[in-house]
Amino acid sequence: MAEIGTVGPTIGGALTPQIGSNKADAAVLSFNQRVMSWYGIIAFLLLWQIAPYLGLTDGRFIPPLSEIVADAGKLIANGEFFVHVASSCQRVLIGLFLAVVAAIPFGILLSGFFPRLTRFLNPLLIILGNINPFALFPLFILLFGVGEMAKLAIIFWSSLFPILNFTIYGVMHVDPILIKAARSMGAGKANIFWKVVIPAALPSIFTGFKMGATVAFLFLIAAEMLSANAGLGYLVHNASLNNYIPRIYVGVLGIAILGMGFTMLINQVEKLLLSYKDEVKVT
């Protein structure tokens, strides 16, 4: 049965319904919003291409986008670009995995079972979370050398505290009404914790995970400058040492695209796991 949408113009004094117009208008609006979200990026890329030719920027330091794309094409054609991407992905995934394994269980245990201890440790966690990983580079080198462990330690440390702090926040700020409702229905402590507290804290945990992933990609370049022989950070560092400006932008844009793709993947997983939060639509 067709849907009856908004009321259209009158014909001979009678109201004529517009069949399915609501759905059509919503689809067009959604498409326009998706397209418009790319307008700013397209305009920026066009400006990047023409700015050196118009004298707005110095082409020696900000080359036209076409030169950067051409250099990226060379790296892709000989397979070198994929080697760097694979190395960077491996480091980020291992560092993030270690941070998740350490931060989420510890945050749940600390805030869920020892709330007073959590409040006592909160200032210390804030101080540790605000220590810039750049300041710890010498310590990481002393402890782990300049090999792979130092790079993983930098990524681990940079992403640990956003995940930990948001996990603690999510568990400690569950709506008390949900817990009281579960108790009124006879749920025990274990059921309340696993079926009420953890699901309610998941949005905050995912927020921390996304922030941790973003920070990990930010510090990836610095981590891969520690005597690496592959990775997008190494690509940037090596290009800067050899004064090969277009390749610097290839590495930077590669990290940006990789980070954006990883964030989109996390968003899809979050949407899948938190589908219960979607509003029920009556049709």
C-alpha atoms as a PDB file:
ATOM      1  CA  MET A   1       0.000   0.000   0.000  1.00  0.00           C
ATOM      2  CA  ALA A   2       1.416   3.369  -0.999  1.00  0.00           C
ATOM      3  CA  GLU A   3       2.154   5.909   1.674  1.00  0.00           C
ATOM      4  CA  ILE A   4       0.253   9.145   1.793  1.00  0.00           C
ATOM      5  CA  GLY A   5       2.597  12.044   2.406  1.00  0.00           C
ATOM      6  CA  THR A   6       1.941  15.761   2.635  1.00  0.00           C
ATOM      7  CA  VAL A   7      -1.092  17.356   1.129  1.00  0.00           C
ATOM      8  CA  GLY A   8      -0.588  18.799  -2.346  1.00  0.00           C
ATOM      9  CA  PRO A   9      -2.331  21.652  -4.190  1.00  0.00           C
ATOM     10  CA  THR A  10      -6.095  21.703  -4.524  1.00  0.00           C
ATOM     11  CA  ILE A  11      -7.837  20.722  -7.748  1.00  0.00           C
ATOM     12  CA  GLY A  12     -11.362  21.987  -8.031  1.00  0.00           C
ATOM     13  CA  GLY A  13     -11.458  22.723  -4.322  1.00  0.00           C
ATOM     14  CA  ALA A  14     -10.370  19.166  -3.316  1.00  0.00           C
ATOM     15  CA  LEU A  15      -7.123  18.318  -1.572  1.00  0.00           C
ATOM     16  CA  THR A  16      -4.841  16.004  -3.571  1.00  0.00           C
ATOM     17  CA  PRO A  17      -2.409  13.865  -1.492  1.00  0.00           C
ATOM     18  CA  GLN A  18       1.184  13.534  -2.698  1.00  0.00           C
ATOM     19  CA  ILE A  19       1.938   9.812  -2.654  1.00  0.00           C
ATOM     20  CA  GLY A  20       5.255   8.917  -1.045  1.00  0.00           C
ATOM     21  CA  SER A  21       6.554  12.480  -1.249  1.00  0.00           C
ATOM     22  CA  ASN A  22       7.965  12.348   2.283  1.00  0.00           C
ATOM     23  CA  LYS A  23      10.279   9.455   1.443  1.00  0.00           C
ATOM     24  CA  ALA A  24      11.358  10.985  -1.847  1.00  0.00           C
ATOM     25  CA  ASP A  25      12.097  14.368  -0.246  1.00  0.00           C
ATOM     26  CA  ALA A  26      14.042  12.699   2.575  1.00  0.00           C
ATOM     27  CA  ALA A  27      16.107  10.664   0.095  1.00  0.00           C
ATOM     28  CA  VAL A  28      16.937  13.754  -1.965  1.00  0.00           C
ATOM     29  CA  LEU A  29      17.839  15.738   1.165  1.00  0.00           C
ATOM     30  CA  SER A  30      20.076  12.913   2.432  1.00  0.00           C
ATOM     31  CA  PHE A  31      21.843  12.683  -0.934  1.00  0.00           C
ATOM     32  CA  ASN A  32      22.371  16.447  -1.074  1.00  0.00           C
ATOM     33  CA  GLN A  33      23.828  16.459   2.439  1.00  0.00           C
ATOM     34  CA  ARG A  34      26.271  13.675   1.557  1.00  0.00           C
ATOM     35  CA  VAL A  35      27.367  15.491  -1.598  1.00  0.00           C
ATOM     36  CA  MET A  36      27.686  18.844   0.164  1.00  0.00           C
ATOM     37  CA  SER A  37      29.984  17.310   2.764  1.00  0.00           C
ATOM     38  CA  TRP A  38      32.562  16.857  -0.013  1.00  0.00           C
ATOM     39  CA  TYR A  39      32.314  20.382  -1.432  1.00  0.00           C
ATOM     40  CA  GLY A  40      34.800  21.848   1.047  1.00  0.00           C
ATOM     41  CA  ILE A  41      37.355  19.095   0.334  1.00  0.00           C
ATOM     42  CA  ILE A  42      36.990  19.506  -3.436  1.00  0.00           C
ATOM     43  CA  ALA A  43      37.365  23.291  -3.170  1.00  0.00           C
ATOM     44  CA  PHE A  44      40.462  22.892  -0.972  1.00  0.00           C
ATOM     45  CA  LEU A  45      42.085  20.462  -3.434  1.00  0.00           C
ATOM     46  CA  LEU A  46      41.367  22.775  -6.367  1.00  0.00           C
ATOM     47  CA  LEU A  47      42.872  25.716  -4.499  1.00  0.00           C
ATOM     48  CA  TRP A  48      45.910  23.576  -3.645  1.00  0.00           C
ATOM     49  CA  GLN A  49      46.403  22.809  -7.345  1.00  0.00           C
ATOM     50  CA  ILE A  50      46.145  26.348  -8.685  1.00  0.00           C
ATOM     51  CA  ALA A  51      47.673  28.314  -5.777  1.00  0.00           C
ATOM     52  CA  PRO A  52      51.344  27.827  -6.872  1.00  0.00           C
ATOM     53  CA  TYR A  53      50.532  28.893 -10.439  1.00  0.00           C
ATOM     54  CA  LEU A  54      48.737  32.009  -9.205  1.00  0.00           C
ATOM     55  CA  GLY A  55      51.661  32.935  -6.965  1.00  0.00           C
ATOM     56  CA  LEU A  56      49.614  32.484  -3.794  1.00  0.00           C
ATOM     57  CA  THR A  57      52.087  29.901  -2.437  1.00  0.00           C
ATOM     58  CA  ASP A  58      55.698  29.007  -3.100  1.00  0.00           C
ATOM     59  CA  GLY A  59      55.727  25.900  -5.302  1.00  0.00           C
ATOM     60  CA  ARG A  60      59.069  24.800  -3.836  1.00  0.00           C
ATOM     61  CA  PHE A  61      57.474  24.246  -0.430  1.00  0.00           C
ATOM     62  CA  ILE A  62      53.820  23.682  -1.359  1.00  0.00           C
ATOM     63  CA  PRO A  63      53.924  21.970  -4.767  1.00  0.00           C
ATOM     64  CA  PRO A  64      50.785  21.586  -6.899  1.00  0.00           C
ATOM     65  CA  LEU A  65      48.597  18.650  -6.031  1.00  0.00           C
ATOM     66  CA  SER A  66      49.290  17.082  -9.443  1.00  0.00           C
ATOM     67  CA  GLU A  67      52.996  16.693  -8.563  1.00  0.00           C
ATOM     68  CA  ILE A  68      52.116  14.966  -5.302  1.00  0.00           C
ATOM     69  CA  VAL A  69      49.665  12.635  -7.057  1.00  0.00           C
ATOM     70  CA  ALA A  70      52.286  11.837  -9.710  1.00  0.00           C
ATOM     71  CA  ASP A  71      54.869  10.951  -7.051  1.00  0.00           C
ATOM     72  CA  ALA A  72      52.306   8.836  -5.199  1.00  0.00           C
ATOM     73  CA  GLY A  73      51.589   7.057  -8.479  1.00  0.00           C
ATOM     74  CA  LYS A  74      55.267   6.129  -8.820  1.00  0.00           C
ATOM     75  CA  LEU A  75      55.352   4.709  -5.294  1.00  0.00           C
ATOM     76  CA  ILE A  76      52.152   2.758  -5.908  1.00  0.00           C
ATOM     77  CA  ALA A  77      53.384   1.426  -9.254  1.00  0.00           C
ATOM     78  CA  ASN A  78      56.592  -0.021  -7.810  1.00  0.00           C
ATOM     79  CA  GLY A  79      54.818  -1.317  -4.678  1.00  0.00           C
ATOM     80  CA  GLU A  80      56.868   0.757  -2.242  1.00  0.00           C
ATOM     81  CA  PHE A  81      53.852   2.676  -0.986  1.00  0.00           C
ATOM     82  CA  PHE A  82      52.061  -0.514   0.116  1.00  0.00           C
ATOM     83  CA  VAL A  83      55.150  -1.634   2.052  1.00  0.00           C
ATOM     84  CA  HIS A  84      55.085   1.617   4.017  1.00  0.00           C
ATOM     85  CA  VAL A  85      51.320   1.388   4.582  1.00  0.00           C
ATOM     86  CA  ALA A  86      51.580  -2.211   5.790  1.00  0.00           C
ATOM     87  CA  SER A  87      54.371  -1.332   8.235  1.00  0.00           C
ATOM     88  CA  SER A  88      52.427   1.630   9.652  1.00  0.00           C
ATOM     89  CA  CYS A  89      49.206  -0.381   9.954  1.00  0.00           C
ATOM     90  CA  GLN A  90      51.024  -3.168  11.758  1.00  0.00           C
ATOM     91  CA  ARG A  91      52.514  -0.791  14.317  1.00  0.00           C
ATOM     92  CA  VAL A  92      49.261   1.071  14.924  1.00  0.00           C
ATOM     93  CA  LEU A  93      47.186  -2.090  15.237  1.00  0.00           C
ATOM     94  CA  ILE A  94      49.619  -3.743  17.662  1.00  0.00           C
ATOM     95  CA  GLY A  95      49.962  -0.577  19.765  1.00  0.00           C
ATOM     96  CA  LEU A  96      46.200  -0.029  19.848  1.00  0.00           C
ATOM     97  CA  PHE A  97      45.532  -3.681  20.638  1.00  0.00           C
ATOM     98  CA  LEU A  98      47.893  -3.563  23.607  1.00  0.00           C
ATOM     99  CA  ALA A  99      46.290  -0.309  24.791  1.00  0.00           C
ATOM    100  CA  VAL A 100      42.776  -1.764  24.514  1.00  0.00           C
ATOM    101  CA  VAL A 101      43.760  -4.978  26.317  1.00  0.00           C
ATOM    102  CA  ALA A 102      45.313  -2.949  29.139  1.00  0.00           C
ATOM    103  CA  ALA A 103      42.906   0.010  29.376  1.00  0.00           C
ATOM    104  CA  ILE A 104      39.404  -1.425  28.990  1.00  0.00           C
ATOM    105  CA  PRO A 105      39.607  -4.324  31.497  1.00  0.00           C
ATOM    106  CA  PHE A 106      41.527  -2.182  33.983  1.00  0.00           C
ATOM    107  CA  GLY A 107      39.098   0.727  33.583  1.00  0.00           C
ATOM    108  CA  ILE A 108      36.068  -1.540  34.027  1.00  0.00           C
ATOM    109  CA  LEU A 109      37.596  -3.305  37.028  1.00  0.00           C
ATOM    110  CA  LEU A 110      38.716  -0.086  38.671  1.00  0.00           C
ATOM    111  CA  SER A 111      35.555   1.947  38.217  1.00  0.00           C
ATOM    112  CA  GLY A 112      33.083  -0.927  38.492  1.00  0.00           C
ATOM    113  CA  PHE A 113      34.407  -2.590  41.640  1.00  0.00           C
ATOM    114  CA  PHE A 114      36.604   0.012  43.331  1.00  0.00           C
ATOM    115  CA  PRO A 115      34.921   3.404  42.817  1.00  0.00           C
ATOM    116  CA  ARG A 116      36.586   4.974  45.865  1.00  0.00           C
ATOM    117  CA  LEU A 117      40.014   3.879  44.691  1.00  0.00           C
ATOM    118  CA  THR A 118      39.156   5.288  41.253  1.00  0.00           C
ATOM    119  CA  ARG A 119      38.392   8.705  42.744  1.00  0.00           C
ATOM    120  CA  PHE A 120      41.628   8.512  44.727  1.00  0.00           C
ATOM    121  CA  LEU A 121      43.679   7.669  41.614  1.00  0.00           C
ATOM    122  CA  ASN A 122      41.862  10.100  39.322  1.00  0.00           C
ATOM    123  CA  PRO A 123      44.346  13.015  39.781  1.00  0.00           C
ATOM    124  CA  LEU A 124      47.260  10.670  39.067  1.00  0.00           C
ATOM    125  CA  LEU A 125      45.568   9.351  35.927  1.00  0.00           C
ATOM    126  CA  ILE A 126      44.928  12.909  34.760  1.00  0.00           C
ATOM    127  CA  ILE A 127      48.600  13.823  35.261  1.00  0.00           C
ATOM    128  CA  LEU A 128      49.830  10.714  33.430  1.00  0.00           C
ATOM    129  CA  GLY A 129      47.360  11.270  30.604  1.00  0.00           C
ATOM    130  CA  ASN A 130      48.605  14.812  30.101  1.00  0.00           C
ATOM    131  CA  ILE A 131      52.251  13.829  29.762  1.00  0.00           C
ATOM    132  CA  ASN A 132      53.148  14.389  26.144  1.00  0.00           C
ATOM    133  CA  PRO A 133      54.621  11.209  24.615  1.00  0.00           C
ATOM    134  CA  PHE A 134      57.213  13.392  22.874  1.00  0.00           C
ATOM    135  CA  ALA A 135      58.673  14.164  26.296  1.00  0.00           C
ATOM    136  CA  LEU A 136      59.045  10.441  26.973  1.00  0.00           C
ATOM    137  CA  PHE A 137      60.994   9.644  23.800  1.00  0.00           C
ATOM    138  CA  PRO A 138      64.375   9.582  25.599  1.00  0.00           C
ATOM    139  CA  LEU A 139      62.944   7.283  28.270  1.00  0.00           C
ATOM    140  CA  PHE A 140      61.463   4.918  25.691  1.00  0.00           C
ATOM    141  CA  ILE A 141      64.818   4.792  23.882  1.00  0.00           C
ATOM    142  CA  LEU A 142      66.651   4.055  27.143  1.00  0.00           C
ATOM    143  CA  LEU A 143      64.206   1.295  28.080  1.00  0.00           C
ATOM    144  CA  PHE A 144      63.577  -0.296  24.679  1.00  0.00           C
ATOM    145  CA  GLY A 145      66.390   0.942  22.454  1.00  0.00           C
ATOM    146  CA  VAL A 146      65.656   2.282  18.992  1.00  0.00           C
ATOM    147  CA  GLY A 147      64.024  -0.878  17.661  1.00  0.00           C
ATOM    148  CA  GLU A 148      60.420  -1.876  17.161  1.00  0.00           C
ATOM    149  CA  MET A 149      59.575  -1.988  20.875  1.00  0.00           C
ATOM    150  CA  ALA A 150      60.232   1.746  21.283  1.00  0.00           C
ATOM    151  CA  LYS A 151      57.843   2.571  18.447  1.00  0.00           C
ATOM    152  CA  LEU A 152      55.137   0.328  19.876  1.00  0.00           C
ATOM    153  CA  ALA A 153      55.661   1.845  23.339  1.00  0.00           C
ATOM    154  CA  ILE A 154      55.079   5.357  21.963  1.00  0.00           C
ATOM    155  CA  ILE A 155      51.865   4.332  20.195  1.00  0.00           C
ATOM    156  CA  PHE A 156      50.726   2.336  23.237  1.00  0.00           C
ATOM    157  CA  TRP A 157      51.307   5.198  25.676  1.00  0.00           C
ATOM    158  CA  SER A 158      49.693   7.816  23.448  1.00  0.00           C
ATOM    159  CA  SER A 159      46.484   5.795  23.007  1.00  0.00           C
ATOM    160  CA  LEU A 160      46.280   4.204  26.476  1.00  0.00           C
ATOM    161  CA  PHE A 161      44.907   7.073  28.533  1.00  0.00           C
ATOM    162  CA  PRO A 162      42.093   8.259  26.230  1.00  0.00           C
ATOM    163  CA  ILE A 163      40.738   4.697  26.208  1.00  0.00           C
ATOM    164  CA  LEU A 164      41.242   4.250  29.957  1.00  0.00           C
ATOM    165  CA  ASN A 165      39.722   7.585  30.978  1.00  0.00           C
ATOM    166  CA  PHE A 166      36.643   7.214  28.776  1.00  0.00           C
ATOM    167  CA  THR A 167      36.124   3.644  29.983  1.00  0.00           C
ATOM    168  CA  ILE A 168      36.200   4.818  33.606  1.00  0.00           C
ATOM    169  CA  TYR A 169      33.887   7.715  32.802  1.00  0.00           C
ATOM    170  CA  GLY A 170      31.413   5.481  30.976  1.00  0.00           C
ATOM    171  CA  VAL A 171      31.182   2.915  33.768  1.00  0.00           C
ATOM    172  CA  MET A 172      30.933   5.482  36.573  1.00  0.00           C
ATOM    173  CA  HIS A 173      28.276   7.588  34.846  1.00  0.00           C
ATOM    174  CA  VAL A 174      25.723   4.926  33.974  1.00  0.00           C
ATOM    175  CA  ASP A 175      22.205   6.227  34.524  1.00  0.00           C
ATOM    176  CA  PRO A 176      21.182   5.131  38.062  1.00  0.00           C
ATOM    177  CA  ILE A 177      17.600   4.658  36.856  1.00  0.00           C
ATOM    178  CA  LEU A 178      18.731   1.754  34.658  1.00  0.00           C
ATOM    179  CA  ILE A 179      20.399   0.058  37.624  1.00  0.00           C
ATOM    180  CA  LYS A 180      17.367   0.615  39.894  1.00  0.00           C
ATOM    181  CA  ALA A 181      15.062  -0.757  37.199  1.00  0.00           C
ATOM    182  CA  ALA A 182      17.201  -3.893  36.857  1.00  0.00           C
ATOM    183  CA  ARG A 183      17.234  -4.381  40.651  1.00  0.00           C
ATOM    184  CA  SER A 184      13.463  -3.977  40.826  1.00  0.00           C
ATOM    185  CA  MET A 185      13.145  -6.856  38.354  1.00  0.00           C
ATOM    186  CA  GLY A 186      15.279  -9.095  40.552  1.00  0.00           C
ATOM    187  CA  ALA A 187      18.595  -8.903  38.688  1.00  0.00           C
ATOM    188  CA  GLY A 188      21.698  -9.776  40.665  1.00  0.00           C
ATOM    189  CA  LYS A 189      24.937  -7.797  40.780  1.00  0.00           C
ATOM    190  CA  ALA A 190      26.598  -9.870  38.071  1.00  0.00           C
ATOM    191  CA  ASN A 191      23.651  -9.513  35.680  1.00  0.00           C
ATOM    192  CA  ILE A 192      23.394  -5.790  36.373  1.00  0.00           C
ATOM    193  CA  PHE A 193      27.093  -5.343  35.670  1.00  0.00           C
ATOM    194  CA  TRP A 194      27.238  -7.330  32.421  1.00  0.00           C
ATOM    195  CA  LYS A 195      23.762  -6.613  31.032  1.00  0.00           C
ATOM    196  CA  VAL A 196      23.217  -3.027  32.194  1.00  0.00           C
ATOM    197  CA  VAL A 197      26.466  -1.280  33.129  1.00  0.00           C
ATOM    198  CA  ILE A 198      28.704  -2.547  30.317  1.00  0.00           C
ATOM    199  CA  PRO A 199      26.172  -1.951  27.478  1.00  0.00           C
ATOM    200  CA  ALA A 200      25.436   1.531  28.864  1.00  0.00           C
ATOM    201  CA  ALA A 201      29.166   2.317  29.011  1.00  0.00           C
ATOM    202  CA  LEU A 202      29.924   1.074  25.483  1.00  0.00           C
ATOM    203  CA  PRO A 203      29.303   4.438  23.745  1.00  0.00           C
ATOM    204  CA  SER A 204      31.846   6.116  26.020  1.00  0.00           C
ATOM    205  CA  ILE A 205      34.310   3.238  25.540  1.00  0.00           C
ATOM    206  CA  PHE A 206      34.011   3.554  21.760  1.00  0.00           C
ATOM    207  CA  THR A 207      34.581   7.300  22.030  1.00  0.00           C
ATOM    208  CA  GLY A 208      37.789   6.642  23.934  1.00  0.00           C
ATOM    209  CA  PHE A 209      38.829   4.028  21.382  1.00  0.00           C
ATOM    210  CA  LYS A 210      38.314   6.476  18.517  1.00  0.00           C
ATOM    211  CA  MET A 211      40.265   9.175  20.331  1.00  0.00           C
ATOM    212  CA  GLY A 212      43.028   6.697  21.106  1.00  0.00           C
ATOM    213  CA  ALA A 213      43.206   5.659  17.444  1.00  0.00           C
ATOM    214  CA  THR A 214      43.368   9.299  16.347  1.00  0.00           C
ATOM    215  CA  VAL A 215      46.202  10.056  18.772  1.00  0.00           C
ATOM    216  CA  ALA A 216      48.016   6.877  17.724  1.00  0.00           C
ATOM    217  CA  PHE A 217      48.075   8.006  14.103  1.00  0.00           C
ATOM    218  CA  LEU A 218      49.267  11.453  15.174  1.00  0.00           C
ATOM    219  CA  PHE A 219      52.271   9.978  16.968  1.00  0.00           C
ATOM    220  CA  LEU A 220      52.923   7.370  14.299  1.00  0.00           C
ATOM    221  CA  ILE A 221      55.162   9.721  12.305  1.00  0.00           C
ATOM    222  CA  ALA A 222      57.264  10.512  15.355  1.00  0.00           C
ATOM    223  CA  ALA A 223      57.487   6.838  16.325  1.00  0.00           C
ATOM    224  CA  GLU A 224      58.640   5.816  12.855  1.00  0.00           C
ATOM    225  CA  MET A 225      61.359   8.450  12.841  1.00  0.00           C
ATOM    226  CA  LEU A 226      63.236   6.339  15.396  1.00  0.00           C
ATOM    227  CA  SER A 227      65.571   4.486  13.015  1.00  0.00           C
ATOM    228  CA  ALA A 228      62.768   2.813  11.060  1.00  0.00           C
ATOM    229  CA  ASN A 229      63.349   1.496   7.567  1.00  0.00           C
ATOM    230  CA  ALA A 230      59.698   1.375   6.501  1.00  0.00           C
ATOM    231  CA  GLY A 231      56.445   3.119   7.311  1.00  0.00           C
ATOM    232  CA  LEU A 232      54.705   6.323   6.310  1.00  0.00           C
ATOM    233  CA  GLY A 233      56.485   8.211   9.089  1.00  0.00           C
ATOM    234  CA  TYR A 234      59.799   6.933   7.762  1.00  0.00           C
ATOM    235  CA  LEU A 235      58.714   8.035   4.284  1.00  0.00           C
ATOM    236  CA  VAL A 236      58.125  11.578   5.558  1.00  0.00           C
ATOM    237  CA  HIS A 237      61.371  11.664   7.528  1.00  0.00           C
ATOM    238  CA  ASN A 238      63.468  10.286   4.667  1.00  0.00           C
ATOM    239  CA  ALA A 239      61.908  12.700   2.183  1.00  0.00           C
ATOM    240  CA  SER A 240      62.629  15.656   4.470  1.00  0.00           C
ATOM    241  CA  LEU A 241      66.277  14.592   4.854  1.00  0.00           C
ATOM    242  CA  ASN A 242      66.617  14.411   1.072  1.00  0.00           C
ATOM    243  CA  ASN A 243      64.632  17.627   0.532  1.00  0.00           C
ATOM    244  CA  TYR A 244      62.093  15.763  -1.606  1.00  0.00           C
ATOM    245  CA  ILE A 245      59.090  17.962  -0.832  1.00  0.00           C
ATOM    246  CA  PRO A 246      56.317  16.182  -2.828  1.00  0.00           C
ATOM    247  CA  ARG A 247      57.078  12.903  -1.086  1.00  0.00           C
ATOM    248  CA  ILE A 248      56.635  14.544   2.315  1.00  0.00           C
ATOM    249  CA  TYR A 249      53.059  15.368   1.351  1.00  0.00           C
ATOM    250  CA  VAL A 250      52.530  11.839   0.026  1.00  0.00           C
ATOM    251  CA  GLY A 251      53.412  10.433   3.447  1.00  0.00           C
ATOM    252  CA  VAL A 252      51.352  12.974   5.370  1.00  0.00           C
ATOM    253  CA  LEU A 253      48.289  12.491   3.164  1.00  0.00           C
ATOM    254  CA  GLY A 254      48.744   8.725   3.362  1.00  0.00           C
ATOM    255  CA  ILE A 255      48.624   8.837   7.165  1.00  0.00           C
ATOM    256  CA  ALA A 256      45.581  11.153   7.072  1.00  0.00           C
ATOM    257  CA  ILE A 257      43.670   8.868   4.687  1.00  0.00           C
ATOM    258  CA  LEU A 258      44.682   5.773   6.648  1.00  0.00           C
ATOM    259  CA  GLY A 259      43.528   7.352   9.914  1.00  0.00           C
ATOM    260  CA  MET A 260      40.244   8.490   8.380  1.00  0.00           C
ATOM    261  CA  GLY A 261      39.598   5.019   6.986  1.00  0.00           C
ATOM    262  CA  PHE A 262      40.328   3.423  10.345  1.00  0.00           C
ATOM    263  CA  THR A 263      37.950   5.842  12.083  1.00  0.00           C
ATOM    264  CA  MET A 264      35.214   5.030   9.567  1.00  0.00           C
ATOM    265  CA  LEU A 265      35.748   1.327  10.242  1.00  0.00           C
ATOM    266  CA  ILE A 266      35.415   1.890  13.997  1.00  0.00           C
ATOM    267  CA  ASN A 267      32.225   3.889  13.388  1.00  0.00           C
ATOM    268  CA  GLN A 268      30.740   0.999  11.410  1.00  0.00           C
ATOM    269  CA  VAL A 269      31.610  -1.499  14.159  1.00  0.00           C
ATOM    270  CA  GLU A 270      30.123   0.859  16.755  1.00  0.00           C
ATOM    271  CA  LYS A 271      26.950   1.254  14.718  1.00  0.00           C
ATOM    272  CA  LEU A 272      26.677  -2.532  14.420  1.00  0.00           C
ATOM    273  CA  LEU A 273      27.214  -3.214  18.128  1.00  0.00           C
ATOM    274  CA  LEU A 274      25.070  -0.314  19.326  1.00  0.00           C
ATOM    275  CA  SER A 275      22.205  -0.864  16.905  1.00  0.00           C
ATOM    276  CA  TYR A 276      19.877  -1.238  19.892  1.00  0.00           C
ATOM    277  CA  LYS A 277      20.165   2.530  20.396  1.00  0.00           C
ATOM    278  CA  ASP A 278      18.537   3.295  17.051  1.00  0.00           C
ATOM    279  CA  GLU A 279      15.127   4.842  17.390  1.00  0.00           C
ATOM    280  CA  VAL A 280      12.195   2.636  16.549  1.00  0.00           C
ATOM    281  CA  LYS A 281      10.412   4.051  13.540  1.00  0.00           C
ATOM    282  CA  VAL A 282       6.716   3.470  13.186  1.00  0.00           C
ATOM    283  CA  THR A 283       5.720   2.865   9.572  1.00  0.00           C
END
